[in-house]
Amino acid sequence: MDDLIGAASDVTGDGTNMEGKTQDASSAAPKHLTTPAQKQLLKRQQELEYWKRHSKQIRSRNLITGLTIGAFVVGLFSYTILSVRQERIMDEIDDEAKTFVMKGPQTGANS
């Protein structure tokens, strides 16, 4: 009980202690947790603090990942469309080659 009173007296109204440092969930809780529910609560509070501190960094990483995947998809789609167009051009060239072969070679004797 004395631990709680001592810890409470060192904290000011704005959540900082006398040295100007903010308290996190682990330092505000007593050291001797007795029930698993209290341990779980402390762990959840620590996770919440972690996500609060790192949410901006995680959001920017997710944005970069999303843009990278989007660029890959657009590039793959563009490549596919381009290759299909080239197949059409190749079909036209093949048709011209077949016509040329059917006519036979043009030499000075048969032109």
C-alpha atoms as a PDB file:
ATOM      1  CA  MET A   1       0.000   0.000   0.000  1.00  0.00           C
ATOM      2  CA  ASP A   2       2.881   2.354   0.748  1.00  0.00           C
ATOM      3  CA  ASP A   3       4.170   1.767  -2.798  1.00  0.00           C
ATOM      4  CA  LEU A   4       0.932   3.105  -4.238  1.00  0.00           C
ATOM      5  CA  ILE A   5       0.896   6.189  -2.033  1.00  0.00           C
ATOM      6  CA  GLY A   6       4.546   6.948  -2.815  1.00  0.00           C
ATOM      7  CA  ALA A   7       3.966   6.483  -6.563  1.00  0.00           C
ATOM      8  CA  ALA A   8       0.868   8.676  -6.497  1.00  0.00           C
ATOM      9  CA  SER A   9       2.608  11.502  -4.649  1.00  0.00           C
ATOM     10  CA  ASP A  10       5.430  11.632  -7.215  1.00  0.00           C
ATOM     11  CA  VAL A  11       3.026  12.200 -10.122  1.00  0.00           C
ATOM     12  CA  THR A  12       1.746  15.664 -10.977  1.00  0.00           C
ATOM     13  CA  GLY A  13      -1.662  16.474 -12.443  1.00  0.00           C
ATOM     14  CA  ASP A  14      -0.510  16.391 -16.086  1.00  0.00           C
ATOM     15  CA  GLY A  15       0.792  12.796 -15.928  1.00  0.00           C
ATOM     16  CA  THR A  16       4.475  13.608 -15.451  1.00  0.00           C
ATOM     17  CA  ASN A  17       6.558  12.797 -12.417  1.00  0.00           C
ATOM     18  CA  MET A  18       8.757  15.232 -10.524  1.00  0.00           C
ATOM     19  CA  GLU A  19      11.647  14.775 -12.969  1.00  0.00           C
ATOM     20  CA  GLY A  20       9.486  15.781 -15.954  1.00  0.00           C
ATOM     21  CA  LYS A  21       9.301  12.279 -17.415  1.00  0.00           C
ATOM     22  CA  THR A  22       5.972  10.776 -18.380  1.00  0.00           C
ATOM     23  CA  GLN A  23       4.943   7.516 -16.843  1.00  0.00           C
ATOM     24  CA  ASP A  24       4.069   4.524 -18.977  1.00  0.00           C
ATOM     25  CA  ALA A  25       1.789   1.652 -17.983  1.00  0.00           C
ATOM     26  CA  SER A  26       4.591  -0.475 -16.521  1.00  0.00           C
ATOM     27  CA  SER A  27       5.892   2.172 -14.106  1.00  0.00           C
ATOM     28  CA  ALA A  28       2.431   3.225 -12.899  1.00  0.00           C
ATOM     29  CA  ALA A  29       1.466  -0.317 -11.872  1.00  0.00           C
ATOM     30  CA  PRO A  30       2.676  -1.902  -8.650  1.00  0.00           C
ATOM     31  CA  LYS A  31       5.498  -4.400  -8.925  1.00  0.00           C
ATOM     32  CA  HIS A  32       3.658  -7.262  -7.200  1.00  0.00           C
ATOM     33  CA  LEU A  33       0.743  -8.260  -9.439  1.00  0.00           C
ATOM     34  CA  THR A  34      -1.335 -10.954  -7.881  1.00  0.00           C
ATOM     35  CA  THR A  35      -3.887 -12.086 -10.434  1.00  0.00           C
ATOM     36  CA  PRO A  36      -3.569 -13.098 -14.072  1.00  0.00           C
ATOM     37  CA  ALA A  37      -6.252 -10.534 -14.914  1.00  0.00           C
ATOM     38  CA  GLN A  38      -4.041  -7.724 -13.623  1.00  0.00           C
ATOM     39  CA  LYS A  39      -1.097  -9.049 -15.631  1.00  0.00           C
ATOM     40  CA  GLN A  40      -3.240  -9.209 -18.740  1.00  0.00           C
ATOM     41  CA  LEU A  41      -4.501  -5.655 -18.156  1.00  0.00           C
ATOM     42  CA  LEU A  42      -0.932  -4.381 -17.786  1.00  0.00           C
ATOM     43  CA  LYS A  43       0.100  -6.165 -20.968  1.00  0.00           C
ATOM     44  CA  ARG A  44      -2.849  -4.675 -22.880  1.00  0.00           C
ATOM     45  CA  GLN A  45      -1.963  -1.188 -21.605  1.00  0.00           C
ATOM     46  CA  GLN A  46       1.625  -1.645 -22.792  1.00  0.00           C
ATOM     47  CA  GLU A  47       0.408  -2.782 -26.221  1.00  0.00           C
ATOM     48  CA  LEU A  48      -1.872   0.248 -26.452  1.00  0.00           C
ATOM     49  CA  GLU A  49       1.017   2.572 -25.631  1.00  0.00           C
ATOM     50  CA  TYR A  50       3.171   0.852 -28.267  1.00  0.00           C
ATOM     51  CA  TRP A  51       0.514   1.306 -30.952  1.00  0.00           C
ATOM     52  CA  LYS A  52      -0.036   4.944 -29.961  1.00  0.00           C
ATOM     53  CA  ARG A  53       3.687   5.669 -30.256  1.00  0.00           C
ATOM     54  CA  HIS A  54       4.285   3.799 -33.511  1.00  0.00           C
ATOM     55  CA  SER A  55       1.019   4.324 -35.421  1.00  0.00           C
ATOM     56  CA  LYS A  56       2.387   7.079 -37.683  1.00  0.00           C
ATOM     57  CA  GLN A  57       5.442   5.004 -38.637  1.00  0.00           C
ATOM     58  CA  ILE A  58       3.317   1.919 -39.318  1.00  0.00           C
ATOM     59  CA  ARG A  59       0.849   3.954 -41.395  1.00  0.00           C
ATOM     60  CA  SER A  60       3.650   5.331 -43.580  1.00  0.00           C
ATOM     61  CA  ARG A  61       5.105   1.840 -44.085  1.00  0.00           C
ATOM     62  CA  ASN A  62       1.677   0.555 -45.087  1.00  0.00           C
ATOM     63  CA  LEU A  63       1.311   3.431 -47.560  1.00  0.00           C
ATOM     64  CA  ILE A  64       4.674   2.679 -49.146  1.00  0.00           C
ATOM     65  CA  THR A  65       3.814  -1.027 -49.365  1.00  0.00           C
ATOM     66  CA  GLY A  66       0.428  -0.258 -50.948  1.00  0.00           C
ATOM     67  CA  LEU A  67       1.936   2.086 -53.514  1.00  0.00           C
ATOM     68  CA  THR A  68       4.606  -0.488 -54.378  1.00  0.00           C
ATOM     69  CA  ILE A  69       2.035  -3.228 -54.900  1.00  0.00           C
ATOM     70  CA  GLY A  70      -0.154  -0.851 -56.938  1.00  0.00           C
ATOM     71  CA  ALA A  71       2.774   0.134 -59.165  1.00  0.00           C
ATOM     72  CA  PHE A  72       3.597  -3.536 -59.721  1.00  0.00           C
ATOM     73  CA  VAL A  73      -0.009  -4.317 -60.715  1.00  0.00           C
ATOM     74  CA  VAL A  74      -0.217  -1.349 -63.110  1.00  0.00           C
ATOM     75  CA  GLY A  75       3.129  -2.299 -64.650  1.00  0.00           C
ATOM     76  CA  LEU A  76       2.100  -5.918 -65.088  1.00  0.00           C
ATOM     77  CA  PHE A  77      -1.205  -4.877 -66.668  1.00  0.00           C
ATOM     78  CA  SER A  78       0.538  -2.450 -69.031  1.00  0.00           C
ATOM     79  CA  TYR A  79       3.093  -5.077 -70.018  1.00  0.00           C
ATOM     80  CA  THR A  80       0.300  -7.574 -70.743  1.00  0.00           C
ATOM     81  CA  ILE A  81      -1.619  -5.111 -72.931  1.00  0.00           C
ATOM     82  CA  LEU A  82       1.566  -4.169 -74.777  1.00  0.00           C
ATOM     83  CA  SER A  83       2.507  -7.790 -75.434  1.00  0.00           C
ATOM     84  CA  VAL A  84      -0.985  -8.556 -76.796  1.00  0.00           C
ATOM     85  CA  ARG A  85      -0.670  -5.615 -79.207  1.00  0.00           C
ATOM     86  CA  GLN A  86       2.689  -6.904 -80.369  1.00  0.00           C
ATOM     87  CA  GLU A  87       1.152 -10.325 -81.035  1.00  0.00           C
ATOM     88  CA  ARG A  88      -1.366  -8.656 -83.357  1.00  0.00           C
ATOM     89  CA  ILE A  89       1.455  -6.899 -85.184  1.00  0.00           C
ATOM     90  CA  MET A  90       3.317 -10.190 -85.440  1.00  0.00           C
ATOM     91  CA  ASP A  91       0.173 -11.821 -86.895  1.00  0.00           C
ATOM     92  CA  GLU A  92       0.032  -9.104 -89.561  1.00  0.00           C
ATOM     93  CA  ILE A  93       3.708  -9.617 -90.384  1.00  0.00           C
ATOM     94  CA  ASP A  94       3.133 -13.385 -90.560  1.00  0.00           C
ATOM     95  CA  ASP A  95       0.227 -12.835 -92.983  1.00  0.00           C
ATOM     96  CA  GLU A  96       2.435 -10.661 -95.191  1.00  0.00           C
ATOM     97  CA  ALA A  97       5.174 -13.320 -95.076  1.00  0.00           C
ATOM     98  CA  LYS A  98       2.699 -16.048 -96.083  1.00  0.00           C
ATOM     99  CA  THR A  99       1.521 -13.939 -99.017  1.00  0.00           C
ATOM    100  CA  PHE A 100       5.109 -13.359-100.076  1.00  0.00           C
ATOM    101  CA  VAL A 101       5.893 -17.082 -99.902  1.00  0.00           C
ATOM    102  CA  MET A 102       2.748 -17.934-101.912  1.00  0.00           C
ATOM    103  CA  LYS A 103       3.712 -15.500-104.674  1.00  0.00           C
ATOM    104  CA  GLY A 104       7.204 -16.851-104.760  1.00  0.00           C
ATOM    105  CA  PRO A 105      10.463 -14.966-104.868  1.00  0.00           C
ATOM    106  CA  GLN A 106      10.603 -12.005-107.206  1.00  0.00           C
ATOM    107  CA  THR A 107      13.593 -12.258-109.466  1.00  0.00           C
ATOM    108  CA  GLY A 108      14.400 -10.469-112.689  1.00  0.00           C
ATOM    109  CA  ALA A 109      13.020 -13.400-114.691  1.00  0.00           C
ATOM    110  CA  ASN A 110       9.477 -13.472-113.241  1.00  0.00           C
ATOM    111  CA  SER A 111       8.746  -9.866-112.288  1.00  0.00           C
END
